[in-house]
N, C-alpha and C. Protein backbone atom coordinates (compact mmCIF):
# COMPACT_ATOMS: atom_id res chain seq x y z
N MET A 1 0.83 -1.17 0.00
CA MET A 1 0.00 0.00 0.00
C MET A 1 0.88 1.25 0.00
N GLN A 2 0.55 2.25 -0.88
CA GLN A 2 1.32 3.46 -0.92
C GLN A 2 0.61 4.57 -0.15
N TYR A 3 1.40 5.38 0.50
CA TYR A 3 0.86 6.49 1.27
C TYR A 3 0.88 7.77 0.42
N ALA A 4 0.05 8.72 0.77
CA ALA A 4 -0.10 9.95 0.01
C ALA A 4 1.20 10.74 -0.08
N HIS A 5 2.08 10.60 0.93
CA HIS A 5 3.31 11.38 0.90
C HIS A 5 4.43 10.66 0.14
N SER A 6 4.17 9.48 -0.36
CA SER A 6 5.18 8.73 -1.09
C SER A 6 5.48 9.42 -2.42
N PRO A 7 6.75 9.50 -2.83
CA PRO A 7 7.09 10.16 -4.09
C PRO A 7 6.55 9.38 -5.30
N MET A 8 6.19 8.13 -5.11
CA MET A 8 5.68 7.32 -6.22
C MET A 8 4.21 7.61 -6.53
N VAL A 9 3.51 8.25 -5.61
CA VAL A 9 2.10 8.55 -5.81
C VAL A 9 1.97 9.88 -6.53
N MET A 10 1.26 9.90 -7.64
CA MET A 10 1.06 11.13 -8.37
C MET A 10 -0.33 11.65 -8.05
N THR A 11 -0.36 12.85 -7.53
CA THR A 11 -1.65 13.44 -7.22
C THR A 11 -2.19 14.16 -8.45
N ARG A 12 -3.46 14.50 -8.40
CA ARG A 12 -4.07 15.23 -9.49
C ARG A 12 -3.37 16.57 -9.70
N ALA A 13 -2.90 17.19 -8.63
CA ALA A 13 -2.23 18.49 -8.74
C ALA A 13 -0.95 18.41 -9.56
N SER A 14 -0.30 17.23 -9.61
CA SER A 14 0.94 17.11 -10.37
C SER A 14 0.69 17.20 -11.87
N HIS A 15 -0.55 17.03 -12.31
CA HIS A 15 -0.87 17.11 -13.73
C HIS A 15 -1.39 18.49 -14.11
N VAL A 16 -1.64 19.35 -13.16
CA VAL A 16 -2.20 20.66 -13.41
C VAL A 16 -1.08 21.64 -13.72
N HIS A 17 -1.26 22.43 -14.77
CA HIS A 17 -0.26 23.42 -15.16
C HIS A 17 -0.20 24.55 -14.12
N ASN A 18 0.99 24.93 -13.75
CA ASN A 18 1.21 26.02 -12.81
C ASN A 18 0.88 27.34 -13.51
N PRO A 19 -0.09 28.11 -13.01
CA PRO A 19 -0.48 29.36 -13.69
C PRO A 19 0.60 30.44 -13.64
N ASP A 20 1.59 30.28 -12.76
CA ASP A 20 2.68 31.25 -12.68
C ASP A 20 3.81 30.95 -13.65
N LYS A 21 3.68 29.85 -14.39
CA LYS A 21 4.72 29.44 -15.34
C LYS A 21 4.10 29.24 -16.71
N HIS A 22 4.95 29.36 -17.73
CA HIS A 22 4.51 29.01 -19.08
C HIS A 22 4.48 27.49 -19.20
N SER A 23 3.90 27.00 -20.26
CA SER A 23 3.87 25.57 -20.54
C SER A 23 5.30 25.01 -20.53
N PRO A 24 5.49 23.80 -20.01
CA PRO A 24 6.83 23.19 -20.07
C PRO A 24 7.38 23.11 -21.50
N TRP A 25 6.48 22.96 -22.47
CA TRP A 25 6.91 22.95 -23.87
C TRP A 25 7.51 24.30 -24.27
N ILE A 26 6.82 25.37 -23.91
CA ILE A 26 7.30 26.72 -24.25
C ILE A 26 8.65 26.97 -23.58
N ILE A 27 8.75 26.63 -22.30
CA ILE A 27 10.00 26.84 -21.56
C ILE A 27 11.13 26.00 -22.18
N GLY A 28 10.84 24.73 -22.44
CA GLY A 28 11.86 23.85 -23.02
C GLY A 28 12.33 24.32 -24.39
N LEU A 29 11.40 24.72 -25.24
CA LEU A 29 11.77 25.19 -26.57
C LEU A 29 12.52 26.52 -26.51
N HIS A 30 12.12 27.38 -25.58
CA HIS A 30 12.82 28.67 -25.41
C HIS A 30 14.28 28.43 -25.05
N TRP A 31 14.50 27.64 -23.99
CA TRP A 31 15.87 27.47 -23.51
C TRP A 31 16.71 26.58 -24.41
N SER A 32 16.10 25.62 -25.09
CA SER A 32 16.88 24.83 -26.05
C SER A 32 17.28 25.69 -27.24
N SER A 33 16.43 26.65 -27.62
CA SER A 33 16.80 27.60 -28.69
C SER A 33 17.96 28.48 -28.24
N VAL A 34 17.91 28.93 -27.00
CA VAL A 34 19.00 29.75 -26.46
C VAL A 34 20.31 28.96 -26.53
N ILE A 35 20.27 27.71 -26.11
CA ILE A 35 21.48 26.87 -26.15
C ILE A 35 21.97 26.69 -27.58
N ALA A 36 21.06 26.43 -28.51
CA ALA A 36 21.44 26.25 -29.92
C ALA A 36 22.08 27.52 -30.49
N ILE A 37 21.52 28.68 -30.12
CA ILE A 37 22.09 29.96 -30.59
C ILE A 37 23.48 30.16 -30.00
N LEU A 38 23.65 29.83 -28.73
CA LEU A 38 24.97 29.96 -28.11
C LEU A 38 25.98 29.02 -28.76
N ILE A 39 25.55 27.80 -29.08
CA ILE A 39 26.44 26.85 -29.76
C ILE A 39 26.81 27.37 -31.14
N ALA A 40 25.82 27.87 -31.87
CA ALA A 40 26.08 28.41 -33.22
C ALA A 40 27.07 29.57 -33.14
N THR A 41 26.90 30.43 -32.15
CA THR A 41 27.79 31.58 -31.98
C THR A 41 29.19 31.13 -31.60
N ALA A 42 29.27 30.21 -30.64
CA ALA A 42 30.59 29.73 -30.19
C ALA A 42 31.34 29.04 -31.32
N THR A 43 30.63 28.21 -32.10
CA THR A 43 31.32 27.50 -33.19
C THR A 43 31.78 28.47 -34.27
N PHE A 44 31.01 29.54 -34.49
CA PHE A 44 31.44 30.55 -35.47
C PHE A 44 32.76 31.18 -35.03
N PHE A 45 32.83 31.61 -33.76
CA PHE A 45 34.05 32.27 -33.28
C PHE A 45 35.21 31.29 -33.15
N LEU A 46 34.93 30.07 -32.74
CA LEU A 46 36.00 29.05 -32.68
C LEU A 46 36.57 28.77 -34.06
N ARG A 47 35.69 28.72 -35.03
CA ARG A 47 36.11 28.45 -36.41
C ARG A 47 37.06 29.54 -36.90
N GLU A 48 36.80 30.78 -36.50
CA GLU A 48 37.67 31.88 -36.90
C GLU A 48 39.04 31.77 -36.24
N ALA A 49 39.12 31.11 -35.09
CA ALA A 49 40.38 31.00 -34.35
C ALA A 49 41.19 29.77 -34.73
N VAL A 50 40.58 28.83 -35.45
CA VAL A 50 41.25 27.56 -35.78
C VAL A 50 41.74 27.60 -37.22
N GLU A 51 42.91 27.00 -37.46
CA GLU A 51 43.46 26.98 -38.81
C GLU A 51 43.34 25.62 -39.48
N THR A 52 43.16 24.55 -38.72
CA THR A 52 43.07 23.21 -39.28
C THR A 52 41.75 23.06 -40.03
N SER A 53 41.81 22.73 -41.31
CA SER A 53 40.60 22.71 -42.15
C SER A 53 39.59 21.65 -41.69
N SER A 54 40.07 20.50 -41.23
CA SER A 54 39.11 19.46 -40.81
C SER A 54 38.33 19.91 -39.57
N ILE A 55 38.99 20.58 -38.65
CA ILE A 55 38.30 21.09 -37.45
C ILE A 55 37.36 22.23 -37.84
N ARG A 56 37.82 23.09 -38.76
CA ARG A 56 36.96 24.18 -39.24
C ARG A 56 35.68 23.63 -39.87
N ASN A 57 35.82 22.55 -40.64
CA ASN A 57 34.64 21.94 -41.28
C ASN A 57 33.67 21.36 -40.26
N VAL A 58 34.20 20.72 -39.22
CA VAL A 58 33.35 20.17 -38.16
C VAL A 58 32.61 21.31 -37.44
N LEU A 59 33.34 22.37 -37.12
CA LEU A 59 32.72 23.51 -36.45
C LEU A 59 31.64 24.16 -37.32
N LEU A 60 31.89 24.25 -38.62
CA LEU A 60 30.90 24.82 -39.53
C LEU A 60 29.66 23.93 -39.59
N ASP A 61 29.86 22.62 -39.59
CA ASP A 61 28.71 21.71 -39.61
C ASP A 61 27.89 21.82 -38.32
N ILE A 62 28.57 21.93 -37.18
CA ILE A 62 27.86 22.13 -35.90
C ILE A 62 27.09 23.44 -35.94
N HIS A 63 27.71 24.47 -36.50
CA HIS A 63 27.06 25.78 -36.64
C HIS A 63 25.78 25.65 -37.47
N ARG A 64 25.88 24.94 -38.61
CA ARG A 64 24.71 24.76 -39.48
C ARG A 64 23.62 23.95 -38.78
N GLN A 65 23.99 22.87 -38.12
CA GLN A 65 22.99 22.04 -37.45
C GLN A 65 22.30 22.80 -36.32
N SER A 66 23.05 23.65 -35.63
CA SER A 66 22.45 24.48 -34.58
C SER A 66 21.42 25.42 -35.17
N GLY A 67 21.74 26.01 -36.32
CA GLY A 67 20.79 26.89 -37.00
C GLY A 67 19.54 26.16 -37.44
N LEU A 68 19.71 24.96 -37.97
CA LEU A 68 18.55 24.16 -38.38
C LEU A 68 17.69 23.80 -37.17
N PHE A 69 18.35 23.51 -36.04
CA PHE A 69 17.59 23.22 -34.82
C PHE A 69 16.76 24.43 -34.41
N VAL A 70 17.33 25.63 -34.55
CA VAL A 70 16.59 26.85 -34.19
C VAL A 70 15.32 26.97 -35.03
N ILE A 71 15.43 26.67 -36.33
CA ILE A 71 14.23 26.71 -37.19
C ILE A 71 13.19 25.72 -36.70
N LEU A 72 13.61 24.48 -36.45
CA LEU A 72 12.68 23.45 -35.98
C LEU A 72 12.04 23.85 -34.65
N ALA A 73 12.85 24.34 -33.72
CA ALA A 73 12.32 24.75 -32.41
C ALA A 73 11.35 25.92 -32.56
N LEU A 74 11.65 26.83 -33.47
CA LEU A 74 10.77 27.98 -33.70
C LEU A 74 9.42 27.52 -34.25
N ILE A 75 9.45 26.61 -35.21
CA ILE A 75 8.19 26.09 -35.76
C ILE A 75 7.38 25.40 -34.67
N LEU A 76 8.03 24.55 -33.88
CA LEU A 76 7.34 23.88 -32.78
C LEU A 76 6.79 24.89 -31.77
N ARG A 77 7.57 25.92 -31.49
CA ARG A 77 7.15 26.95 -30.54
C ARG A 77 5.89 27.66 -31.00
N ILE A 78 5.85 27.98 -32.29
CA ILE A 78 4.67 28.65 -32.84
C ILE A 78 3.46 27.73 -32.76
N ILE A 79 3.66 26.45 -33.08
CA ILE A 79 2.56 25.48 -32.99
C ILE A 79 2.06 25.38 -31.55
N VAL A 80 2.99 25.28 -30.59
CA VAL A 80 2.59 25.19 -29.18
C VAL A 80 1.88 26.46 -28.74
N ARG A 81 2.37 27.62 -29.16
CA ARG A 81 1.71 28.88 -28.79
C ARG A 81 0.29 28.93 -29.33
N ILE A 82 0.09 28.42 -30.54
CA ILE A 82 -1.25 28.42 -31.13
C ILE A 82 -2.15 27.43 -30.40
N ARG A 83 -1.63 26.24 -30.14
CA ARG A 83 -2.45 25.18 -29.54
C ARG A 83 -2.65 25.34 -28.04
N VAL A 84 -1.58 25.69 -27.32
CA VAL A 84 -1.63 25.78 -25.85
C VAL A 84 -1.85 27.22 -25.39
N GLY A 85 -1.31 28.16 -26.16
CA GLY A 85 -1.37 29.56 -25.77
C GLY A 85 -0.26 29.92 -24.81
N MET A 86 -0.18 31.19 -24.51
CA MET A 86 0.81 31.67 -23.54
C MET A 86 0.10 32.58 -22.56
N THR A 87 0.36 32.34 -21.31
CA THR A 87 -0.25 33.16 -20.26
C THR A 87 0.40 34.54 -20.27
N ASP A 88 -0.42 35.56 -20.17
CA ASP A 88 0.08 36.94 -20.10
C ASP A 88 0.36 37.25 -18.63
N HIS A 89 1.64 37.40 -18.30
CA HIS A 89 2.04 37.67 -16.93
C HIS A 89 2.23 39.16 -16.67
N ALA A 90 1.78 39.99 -17.61
CA ALA A 90 1.86 41.45 -17.43
C ALA A 90 0.58 42.09 -17.97
N LYS A 91 -0.56 41.54 -17.58
CA LYS A 91 -1.86 42.01 -18.09
C LYS A 91 -2.12 43.47 -17.75
N ASP A 92 -1.57 43.93 -16.65
CA ASP A 92 -1.84 45.30 -16.22
C ASP A 92 -0.93 46.33 -16.90
N MET A 93 -0.08 45.89 -17.80
CA MET A 93 0.82 46.79 -18.48
C MET A 93 0.02 47.64 -19.49
N HIS A 94 0.45 48.87 -19.71
CA HIS A 94 -0.22 49.79 -20.64
C HIS A 94 -0.34 49.13 -22.01
N TRP A 95 -1.47 49.37 -22.68
CA TRP A 95 -1.75 48.71 -23.96
C TRP A 95 -0.68 48.99 -25.01
N MET A 96 -0.10 50.18 -24.99
CA MET A 96 0.94 50.52 -25.97
C MET A 96 2.19 49.67 -25.73
N MET A 97 2.52 49.45 -24.47
CA MET A 97 3.68 48.61 -24.15
C MET A 97 3.40 47.15 -24.52
N GLN A 98 2.15 46.71 -24.37
CA GLN A 98 1.80 45.35 -24.77
C GLN A 98 1.96 45.18 -26.28
N ILE A 99 1.56 46.18 -27.04
CA ILE A 99 1.73 46.13 -28.50
C ILE A 99 3.22 46.10 -28.85
N MET A 100 4.02 46.91 -28.16
CA MET A 100 5.46 46.92 -28.41
C MET A 100 6.09 45.57 -28.07
N ALA A 101 5.64 44.95 -26.98
CA ALA A 101 6.16 43.64 -26.59
C ALA A 101 5.83 42.59 -27.65
N LYS A 102 4.60 42.62 -28.15
CA LYS A 102 4.19 41.66 -29.19
C LYS A 102 4.99 41.90 -30.48
N ALA A 103 5.20 43.16 -30.82
CA ALA A 103 5.99 43.50 -32.00
C ALA A 103 7.44 43.02 -31.84
N ALA A 104 7.99 43.22 -30.65
CA ALA A 104 9.37 42.78 -30.40
C ALA A 104 9.49 41.26 -30.52
N HIS A 105 8.50 40.53 -30.01
CA HIS A 105 8.51 39.08 -30.16
C HIS A 105 8.39 38.69 -31.63
N GLY A 106 7.55 39.41 -32.37
CA GLY A 106 7.42 39.13 -33.81
C GLY A 106 8.74 39.34 -34.54
N VAL A 107 9.44 40.43 -34.22
CA VAL A 107 10.74 40.71 -34.84
C VAL A 107 11.74 39.62 -34.45
N LEU A 108 11.73 39.23 -33.18
CA LEU A 108 12.64 38.18 -32.72
C LEU A 108 12.39 36.88 -33.48
N TYR A 109 11.13 36.49 -33.60
CA TYR A 109 10.80 35.27 -34.33
C TYR A 109 11.20 35.37 -35.80
N LEU A 110 10.98 36.53 -36.40
CA LEU A 110 11.35 36.73 -37.80
C LEU A 110 12.85 36.57 -38.01
N ILE A 111 13.63 37.17 -37.12
CA ILE A 111 15.10 37.05 -37.24
C ILE A 111 15.54 35.62 -36.96
N LEU A 112 14.92 34.96 -35.96
CA LEU A 112 15.28 33.57 -35.66
C LEU A 112 14.99 32.65 -36.84
N PHE A 113 14.02 33.02 -37.66
CA PHE A 113 13.72 32.24 -38.86
C PHE A 113 14.65 32.64 -40.01
N ALA A 114 14.82 33.95 -40.23
CA ALA A 114 15.58 34.43 -41.37
C ALA A 114 17.07 34.09 -41.28
N LEU A 115 17.63 34.17 -40.09
CA LEU A 115 19.07 33.96 -39.93
C LEU A 115 19.51 32.57 -40.41
N PRO A 116 18.87 31.48 -39.94
CA PRO A 116 19.28 30.16 -40.44
C PRO A 116 18.93 29.95 -41.92
N ILE A 117 17.83 30.55 -42.38
CA ILE A 117 17.47 30.42 -43.80
C ILE A 117 18.54 31.07 -44.67
N LEU A 118 19.03 32.24 -44.25
CA LEU A 118 20.11 32.89 -44.99
C LEU A 118 21.37 32.04 -44.98
N GLY A 119 21.66 31.42 -43.84
CA GLY A 119 22.83 30.54 -43.77
C GLY A 119 22.68 29.33 -44.67
N TRP A 120 21.48 28.76 -44.69
CA TRP A 120 21.18 27.61 -45.56
C TRP A 120 21.36 28.01 -47.02
N ALA A 121 20.80 29.16 -47.40
CA ALA A 121 20.91 29.64 -48.78
C ALA A 121 22.37 29.92 -49.14
N ALA A 122 23.12 30.53 -48.22
CA ALA A 122 24.54 30.80 -48.48
C ALA A 122 25.31 29.50 -48.67
N THR A 123 24.99 28.50 -47.87
CA THR A 123 25.63 27.20 -48.00
C THR A 123 25.35 26.61 -49.38
N ASN A 124 24.09 26.66 -49.81
CA ASN A 124 23.73 26.16 -51.14
C ASN A 124 24.43 26.96 -52.24
N ALA A 125 24.53 28.28 -52.06
CA ALA A 125 25.19 29.12 -53.06
C ALA A 125 26.69 28.81 -53.14
N HIS A 126 27.24 28.27 -52.07
CA HIS A 126 28.64 27.80 -52.09
C HIS A 126 28.73 26.39 -52.68
N ALA A 127 27.63 25.91 -53.28
CA ALA A 127 27.55 24.59 -53.92
C ALA A 127 27.70 23.46 -52.90
N THR A 128 27.19 23.70 -51.69
CA THR A 128 27.24 22.69 -50.64
C THR A 128 25.82 22.33 -50.24
N PRO A 129 25.48 21.04 -50.29
CA PRO A 129 24.14 20.64 -49.86
C PRO A 129 24.01 20.72 -48.34
N VAL A 130 22.79 20.87 -47.86
CA VAL A 130 22.52 20.93 -46.42
C VAL A 130 21.76 19.67 -46.04
N ARG A 131 22.20 19.05 -44.95
CA ARG A 131 21.54 17.84 -44.45
C ARG A 131 21.14 18.06 -43.00
N LEU A 132 19.89 17.77 -42.70
CA LEU A 132 19.39 17.88 -41.33
C LEU A 132 19.95 16.72 -40.52
N PHE A 133 20.56 17.03 -39.39
CA PHE A 133 21.22 16.05 -38.52
C PHE A 133 22.33 15.30 -39.27
N GLY A 134 22.80 15.89 -40.36
CA GLY A 134 23.84 15.26 -41.16
C GLY A 134 23.35 14.08 -41.98
N ILE A 135 22.05 13.82 -41.96
CA ILE A 135 21.50 12.62 -42.61
C ILE A 135 20.46 12.96 -43.67
N ILE A 136 19.47 13.76 -43.30
CA ILE A 136 18.32 14.02 -44.16
C ILE A 136 18.65 15.15 -45.13
N PRO A 137 18.71 14.84 -46.44
CA PRO A 137 19.03 15.91 -47.39
C PRO A 137 17.89 16.92 -47.49
N LEU A 138 18.25 18.19 -47.44
CA LEU A 138 17.27 19.27 -47.57
C LEU A 138 17.38 19.86 -48.97
N PRO A 139 16.28 20.42 -49.48
CA PRO A 139 16.34 20.98 -50.84
C PRO A 139 17.26 22.20 -50.91
N ASN A 140 17.82 22.40 -52.08
CA ASN A 140 18.61 23.60 -52.30
C ASN A 140 17.65 24.78 -52.44
N ILE A 141 17.94 25.86 -51.73
CA ILE A 141 17.08 27.04 -51.81
C ILE A 141 17.79 28.19 -52.52
N ALA A 142 19.02 27.92 -52.99
CA ALA A 142 19.76 28.91 -53.78
C ALA A 142 20.64 28.16 -54.78
N LEU A 143 20.82 28.76 -55.93
CA LEU A 143 21.69 28.18 -56.95
C LEU A 143 23.15 28.43 -56.59
N ALA A 144 24.01 27.53 -57.04
CA ALA A 144 25.44 27.69 -56.81
C ALA A 144 25.94 28.92 -57.57
N ASP A 145 26.46 29.88 -56.84
CA ASP A 145 26.93 31.14 -57.43
C ASP A 145 27.78 31.82 -56.37
N SER A 146 29.08 31.99 -56.65
CA SER A 146 29.99 32.53 -55.63
C SER A 146 29.66 33.96 -55.26
N ASP A 147 29.22 34.78 -56.22
CA ASP A 147 28.84 36.16 -55.88
C ASP A 147 27.61 36.17 -54.97
N LEU A 148 26.63 35.34 -55.31
CA LEU A 148 25.43 35.23 -54.47
C LEU A 148 25.80 34.71 -53.09
N ALA A 149 26.72 33.74 -53.03
CA ALA A 149 27.17 33.18 -51.75
C ALA A 149 27.76 34.28 -50.87
N ASP A 150 28.59 35.14 -51.46
CA ASP A 150 29.19 36.23 -50.69
C ASP A 150 28.12 37.20 -50.18
N THR A 151 27.15 37.52 -51.03
CA THR A 151 26.08 38.43 -50.63
C THR A 151 25.24 37.84 -49.51
N LEU A 152 24.86 36.55 -49.67
CA LEU A 152 24.05 35.89 -48.64
C LEU A 152 24.80 35.75 -47.33
N THR A 153 26.10 35.51 -47.42
CA THR A 153 26.92 35.42 -46.20
C THR A 153 26.94 36.77 -45.48
N ASP A 154 27.03 37.86 -46.25
CA ASP A 154 26.96 39.19 -45.64
C ASP A 154 25.61 39.41 -44.96
N TYR A 155 24.52 39.04 -45.65
CA TYR A 155 23.18 39.18 -45.06
C TYR A 155 23.04 38.34 -43.80
N HIS A 156 23.62 37.13 -43.84
CA HIS A 156 23.57 36.23 -42.67
C HIS A 156 24.29 36.89 -41.49
N LEU A 157 25.43 37.50 -41.76
CA LEU A 157 26.19 38.17 -40.69
C LEU A 157 25.42 39.38 -40.16
N TRP A 158 24.81 40.16 -41.04
CA TRP A 158 24.03 41.32 -40.58
C TRP A 158 22.83 40.87 -39.75
N ALA A 159 22.20 39.79 -40.19
CA ALA A 159 21.06 39.26 -39.43
C ALA A 159 21.51 38.79 -38.05
N ALA A 160 22.72 38.24 -37.97
CA ALA A 160 23.26 37.81 -36.66
C ALA A 160 23.44 39.01 -35.74
N TRP A 161 23.92 40.13 -36.27
CA TRP A 161 24.08 41.33 -35.45
C TRP A 161 22.72 41.87 -35.03
N CYS A 162 21.74 41.79 -35.94
CA CYS A 162 20.38 42.21 -35.58
C CYS A 162 19.83 41.33 -34.46
N LEU A 163 20.08 40.02 -34.57
CA LEU A 163 19.63 39.10 -33.52
C LEU A 163 20.26 39.47 -32.19
N LEU A 164 21.54 39.78 -32.20
CA LEU A 164 22.21 40.17 -30.96
C LEU A 164 21.53 41.39 -30.34
N ALA A 165 21.23 42.39 -31.17
CA ALA A 165 20.58 43.61 -30.66
C ALA A 165 19.21 43.30 -30.08
N VAL A 166 18.43 42.46 -30.77
CA VAL A 166 17.09 42.13 -30.29
C VAL A 166 17.17 41.28 -29.02
N VAL A 167 18.13 40.37 -28.96
CA VAL A 167 18.28 39.53 -27.77
C VAL A 167 18.69 40.38 -26.56
N VAL A 168 19.58 41.34 -26.76
CA VAL A 168 19.96 42.23 -25.66
C VAL A 168 18.74 43.00 -25.18
N ALA A 169 17.93 43.51 -26.11
CA ALA A 169 16.70 44.22 -25.73
C ALA A 169 15.74 43.28 -25.00
N HIS A 170 15.65 42.04 -25.47
CA HIS A 170 14.77 41.02 -24.87
C HIS A 170 15.19 40.73 -23.43
N ILE A 171 16.49 40.55 -23.22
CA ILE A 171 17.01 40.31 -21.87
C ILE A 171 16.77 41.54 -20.99
N GLY A 172 17.02 42.71 -21.56
CA GLY A 172 16.78 43.95 -20.81
C GLY A 172 15.32 44.08 -20.39
N ALA A 173 14.41 43.74 -21.29
CA ALA A 173 12.98 43.81 -20.97
C ALA A 173 12.62 42.82 -19.87
N ALA A 174 13.18 41.61 -19.95
CA ALA A 174 12.90 40.60 -18.92
C ALA A 174 13.41 41.07 -17.56
N LEU A 175 14.59 41.67 -17.53
CA LEU A 175 15.14 42.17 -16.28
C LEU A 175 14.33 43.37 -15.76
N TRP A 176 13.84 44.22 -16.66
CA TRP A 176 13.00 45.35 -16.27
C TRP A 176 11.71 44.84 -15.63
N HIS A 177 11.12 43.80 -16.23
CA HIS A 177 9.91 43.21 -15.65
C HIS A 177 10.20 42.67 -14.24
N HIS A 178 11.35 42.01 -14.10
CA HIS A 178 11.68 41.36 -12.83
C HIS A 178 12.02 42.37 -11.73
N PHE A 179 12.87 43.33 -12.05
CA PHE A 179 13.37 44.23 -11.01
C PHE A 179 12.55 45.51 -10.85
N HIS A 180 11.99 46.02 -11.93
CA HIS A 180 11.23 47.27 -11.84
C HIS A 180 9.74 47.02 -11.61
N ARG A 181 9.14 46.19 -12.47
CA ARG A 181 7.71 45.93 -12.34
C ARG A 181 7.42 44.86 -11.30
N LYS A 182 8.41 44.01 -11.03
CA LYS A 182 8.26 42.92 -10.05
C LYS A 182 7.07 42.02 -10.39
N ASP A 183 6.92 41.72 -11.69
CA ASP A 183 5.87 40.79 -12.11
C ASP A 183 6.46 39.41 -12.38
N GLN A 184 5.68 38.52 -12.95
CA GLN A 184 6.09 37.13 -13.14
C GLN A 184 6.69 36.84 -14.52
N VAL A 185 6.89 37.86 -15.35
CA VAL A 185 7.31 37.64 -16.74
C VAL A 185 8.60 36.81 -16.82
N LEU A 186 9.62 37.19 -16.08
CA LEU A 186 10.89 36.43 -16.12
C LEU A 186 10.74 35.08 -15.45
N LYS A 187 10.16 35.05 -14.26
CA LYS A 187 10.03 33.79 -13.53
C LYS A 187 9.19 32.77 -14.29
N ALA A 188 8.23 33.25 -15.08
CA ALA A 188 7.36 32.34 -15.82
C ALA A 188 8.12 31.56 -16.88
N MET A 189 9.25 32.09 -17.36
CA MET A 189 10.02 31.42 -18.40
C MET A 189 11.21 30.64 -17.84
N LEU A 190 11.49 30.78 -16.57
CA LEU A 190 12.62 30.05 -15.98
C LEU A 190 12.25 28.59 -15.78
N PRO A 191 13.18 27.68 -16.07
CA PRO A 191 12.88 26.26 -15.84
C PRO A 191 12.76 25.96 -14.34
N GLY A 192 12.07 24.87 -14.05
CA GLY A 192 11.97 24.40 -12.66
C GLY A 192 10.83 25.03 -11.89
């Protein structure tokens, strides 16, 4: 016989979503995207510091796979947001600020989508096929053309700088919510 305080007994409350937190799916996809972006960034800078071509190629492949993961996570995130929704933890915020927050999230999602797509296109323009997880061949979205490859690589780099600016603003907004407004916006996205 199991007792109510036993860790093996699951109560009904353990299945109920905590209203102070976002869905575990939203939290998991958010933080796994953050990790993928950090890996993509680290491999880019490591690649610039390494001279051995075989290591550079491995780092570039990790960079590409991280970008592809960001696209997949973003698509899943949008699906989860549509199906599960997201709790508004700043309902009392002025309507203009709510519109700005939604616009900022839209811009963030757009850049998170555009950045890996530009990298994928640049890779194809360098006459290199892209494979998801190194196994599943993906269609070419750009023709092989060295001038186009250079242009797309420039756009990819500019998009990365735009992402950095938006992420800094995103972090700043989360900290403002936490320390100035003292609402649940930051805590709702933290794991655990």
